[in-house]
Amino acid sequence: MSKELYKLNQYIEMLIEWNEKINLVSYKSITELLIDHIIDSFSIMECYRFTEKIISDIGTGAGLPGIVLSILYPSCQYVLIEPNKKYYRFLKKVIISLKLKNVELINRKVESIDDPNSLKVVISRALGEIRLFLNMTVLKRTKVLIFYKGINCFKELHYLGLPDHKIMFIKKIKILEKYNKNHYIIALKKR
């Protein structure tokens, strides 16, 4: 087994173990956990190749997609931003246990981040409406915003209007289609 798959398996085991104690993510079976959280997290690999050095995951929760990507894309640096203490404690343990040298963990709200260099490329999965991100002052200089979304993404974008951003792509995740999942990745680029 490759080093990356071994680490990914360790992460999944830790997620299952901690989830029994403090409810980090919702799932009914291991298969559902793998499809809805793990595969969904690395599905971006189908449509986007990170060329940037620093990727920020806002509201990473249990490390989805940040931890998964840090394991599978180890050449990038990841800034995981999570204000919730429950998730923070779990993520700190994961980072130490898996020896993830390419991950920085910040236990604050994104609005309090004062280093715009760590927010050049931002990813977000299951955190909220795109409109909320575009209205955040701290993200005004962000070059690329990537969102993991469901089928409602088209409605969100239709009513949004994008004066400061253009759509790089909207891709349906093919790996999830066979599980009857309508998941999309949307990438917006600063004009």
Protein backbone atom coordinates (compact mmCIF):
# COMPACT_ATOMS: atom_id res chain seq x y z
CA MET A 1 0.00 0.00 0.00
CA SER A 2 1.36 3.44 -0.86
CA LYS A 3 2.24 5.86 1.89
CA GLU A 4 -0.65 8.16 0.89
CA LEU A 5 -3.26 5.38 1.00
CA TYR A 6 -1.90 4.19 4.34
CA LYS A 7 -2.25 7.71 5.79
CA LEU A 8 -5.71 8.11 4.27
CA ASN A 9 -6.77 4.84 5.88
CA GLN A 10 -5.37 6.02 9.25
CA TYR A 11 -7.32 9.25 8.91
CA ILE A 12 -10.55 7.37 8.14
CA GLU A 13 -10.00 5.12 11.17
CA MET A 14 -9.45 8.17 13.40
CA LEU A 15 -12.52 9.85 11.96
CA ILE A 16 -14.68 6.80 12.71
CA GLU A 17 -13.27 6.43 16.23
CA TRP A 18 -13.69 10.10 17.16
CA ASN A 19 -17.07 10.33 15.46
CA GLU A 20 -18.45 7.76 17.89
CA LYS A 21 -17.49 10.07 20.77
CA ILE A 22 -18.12 13.59 19.50
CA ASN A 23 -20.11 13.37 16.24
CA LEU A 24 -17.83 14.98 13.66
CA VAL A 25 -19.64 13.99 10.44
CA SER A 26 -22.95 12.42 9.54
CA TYR A 27 -23.11 8.97 7.93
CA LYS A 28 -25.12 5.77 8.29
CA SER A 29 -22.57 3.27 7.01
CA ILE A 30 -18.88 3.06 6.19
CA THR A 31 -19.82 3.07 2.50
CA GLU A 32 -21.73 6.33 2.98
CA LEU A 33 -18.78 7.85 4.86
CA LEU A 34 -16.42 6.91 2.04
CA ILE A 35 -18.70 8.17 -0.75
CA ASP A 36 -20.17 11.31 0.82
CA HIS A 37 -17.08 12.54 2.63
CA ILE A 38 -13.82 10.95 1.49
CA ILE A 39 -14.45 10.46 -2.24
CA ASP A 40 -16.31 13.76 -2.39
CA SER A 41 -13.27 15.47 -0.81
CA PHE A 42 -10.75 14.19 -3.32
CA SER A 43 -13.13 14.48 -6.28
CA ILE A 44 -11.57 17.83 -7.11
CA MET A 45 -8.66 15.85 -8.54
CA GLU A 46 -10.96 15.09 -11.53
CA CYS A 47 -11.17 18.70 -12.62
CA TYR A 48 -8.54 20.92 -11.02
CA ARG A 49 -4.80 20.66 -10.64
CA PHE A 50 -3.38 22.75 -7.83
CA THR A 51 -0.45 24.79 -9.08
CA GLU A 52 -0.57 27.17 -6.16
CA LYS A 53 1.63 26.62 -3.12
CA ILE A 54 -0.89 27.41 -0.38
CA ILE A 55 -4.49 26.15 -0.28
CA SER A 56 -6.83 27.34 2.47
CA ASP A 57 -9.80 25.24 3.56
CA ILE A 58 -12.35 27.48 5.25
CA GLY A 59 -14.62 25.75 7.75
CA THR A 60 -12.80 22.48 7.29
CA GLY A 61 -14.78 20.76 10.06
CA ALA A 62 -13.30 17.29 10.43
CA GLY A 63 -10.70 18.05 7.75
CA LEU A 64 -12.87 17.55 4.72
CA PRO A 65 -11.47 18.24 2.17
CA GLY A 66 -8.28 19.75 3.68
CA ILE A 67 -6.83 16.68 5.38
CA VAL A 68 -7.75 14.38 2.50
CA LEU A 69 -6.09 16.72 -0.01
CA SER A 70 -3.01 17.23 2.17
CA ILE A 71 -2.49 13.45 2.11
CA LEU A 72 -3.15 12.98 -1.61
CA TYR A 73 -1.55 16.27 -2.81
CA PRO A 74 1.43 16.44 -0.44
CA SER A 75 3.36 18.96 -2.57
CA CYS A 76 1.04 21.82 -1.51
CA GLN A 77 0.76 23.56 1.85
CA TYR A 78 -2.68 23.61 3.47
CA VAL A 79 -4.14 26.10 5.90
CA LEU A 80 -7.13 24.58 7.68
CA ILE A 81 -9.34 27.23 9.24
CA GLU A 82 -11.83 25.94 11.81
CA PRO A 83 -13.20 27.99 14.73
CA ASN A 84 -15.00 25.08 16.45
CA LYS A 85 -12.93 23.65 19.34
CA LYS A 86 -14.34 20.13 18.90
CA TYR A 87 -13.06 19.92 15.34
CA TYR A 88 -9.84 21.72 16.23
CA ARG A 89 -8.91 19.12 18.87
CA PHE A 90 -9.59 16.29 16.43
CA LEU A 91 -7.60 17.93 13.63
CA LYS A 92 -4.65 18.65 15.91
CA LYS A 93 -4.53 14.97 16.85
CA VAL A 94 -4.76 13.91 13.16
CA ILE A 95 -1.97 16.28 12.10
CA ILE A 96 0.34 15.03 14.86
CA SER A 97 -0.52 11.33 14.46
CA LEU A 98 -0.14 11.34 10.66
CA LYS A 99 2.91 13.65 10.76
CA LEU A 100 1.33 16.04 8.26
CA LYS A 101 4.10 18.62 7.86
CA ASN A 102 2.20 20.39 5.07
CA VAL A 103 -0.77 21.43 7.24
CA GLU A 104 -1.22 24.54 9.36
CA LEU A 105 -4.27 24.62 11.62
CA ILE A 106 -5.94 27.89 12.61
CA ASN A 107 -8.58 27.90 15.35
CA ARG A 108 -10.32 31.16 14.43
CA LYS A 109 -13.01 32.47 12.14
CA VAL A 110 -11.81 33.36 8.67
CA GLU A 111 -12.77 37.01 9.25
CA SER A 112 -9.95 37.28 11.80
CA ILE A 113 -7.21 36.08 9.42
CA ASP A 114 -4.79 38.91 8.75
CA ASP A 115 -2.41 37.21 6.32
CA PRO A 116 -3.89 37.59 2.83
CA ASN A 117 -1.14 35.36 1.38
CA SER A 118 -2.72 32.35 3.06
CA LEU A 119 -6.02 33.14 1.34
CA LYS A 120 -4.97 33.26 -2.34
CA VAL A 121 -6.72 29.96 -3.11
CA VAL A 122 -9.69 29.02 -0.94
CA ILE A 123 -11.69 25.82 -0.93
CA SER A 124 -14.91 25.21 0.93
CA ARG A 125 -17.08 22.15 1.21
CA ALA A 126 -20.58 22.20 2.68
CA LEU A 127 -20.12 25.49 4.49
CA GLY A 128 -22.78 27.78 3.12
CA GLU A 129 -23.87 29.94 0.26
CA ILE A 130 -21.32 31.26 -2.21
CA ARG A 131 -22.76 34.76 -1.73
CA LEU A 132 -21.56 34.80 1.89
CA PHE A 133 -17.98 34.16 0.81
CA LEU A 134 -18.02 36.80 -1.89
CA ASN A 135 -19.18 39.38 0.66
CA MET A 136 -16.34 38.70 3.12
CA THR A 137 -13.85 41.55 3.18
CA VAL A 138 -11.01 39.18 4.10
CA LEU A 139 -11.54 37.28 0.83
CA LYS A 140 -11.57 40.31 -1.47
CA ARG A 141 -8.00 39.56 -2.65
CA THR A 142 -8.53 35.82 -3.03
CA LYS A 143 -7.57 34.78 -6.56
CA VAL A 144 -9.44 31.46 -6.76
CA LEU A 145 -12.49 30.29 -4.80
CA ILE A 146 -13.46 26.62 -5.11
CA PHE A 147 -16.76 25.31 -3.78
CA TYR A 148 -18.08 21.78 -3.40
CA LYS A 149 -21.81 22.00 -4.03
CA GLY A 150 -24.95 20.01 -4.72
CA ILE A 151 -27.51 20.45 -7.45
CA ASN A 152 -28.71 23.77 -5.97
CA CYS A 153 -25.47 25.42 -7.09
CA PHE A 154 -27.12 26.52 -10.33
CA LYS A 155 -29.87 28.35 -8.47
CA GLU A 156 -27.25 29.99 -6.22
CA LEU A 157 -25.20 31.18 -9.19
CA HIS A 158 -28.25 32.36 -11.13
CA TYR A 159 -29.26 34.81 -8.41
CA LEU A 160 -25.75 35.78 -7.44
CA GLY A 161 -24.28 37.99 -10.14
CA LEU A 162 -20.50 38.03 -10.21
CA PRO A 163 -19.16 41.56 -10.70
CA ASP A 164 -15.72 40.76 -9.24
CA HIS A 165 -15.35 37.11 -10.30
CA LYS A 166 -15.71 34.95 -13.35
CA ILE A 167 -16.60 31.28 -13.44
CA MET A 168 -13.57 29.16 -14.28
CA PHE A 169 -15.65 26.00 -14.40
CA ILE A 170 -18.61 24.08 -13.03
CA LYS A 171 -17.92 20.34 -13.16
CA LYS A 172 -20.19 17.50 -12.24
CA ILE A 173 -18.20 14.91 -10.33
CA LYS A 174 -18.20 11.80 -12.48
CA ILE A 175 -16.78 9.49 -9.83
CA LEU A 176 -19.91 10.13 -7.74
CA GLU A 177 -22.43 9.69 -10.56
CA LYS A 178 -22.40 5.92 -10.21
CA TYR A 179 -23.65 6.40 -6.64
CA ASN A 180 -26.48 8.67 -7.89
CA LYS A 181 -24.90 11.76 -6.37
CA ASN A 182 -25.25 15.14 -8.04
CA HIS A 183 -22.14 16.82 -6.72
CA TYR A 184 -20.40 19.70 -8.44
CA ILE A 185 -17.22 21.66 -8.06
CA ILE A 186 -17.41 25.34 -8.88
CA ALA A 187 -14.28 27.44 -9.35
CA LEU A 188 -14.43 31.23 -9.43
CA LYS A 189 -11.50 33.43 -10.40
CA LYS A 190 -10.95 37.06 -9.43
CA ARG A 191 -11.37 39.38 -12.43
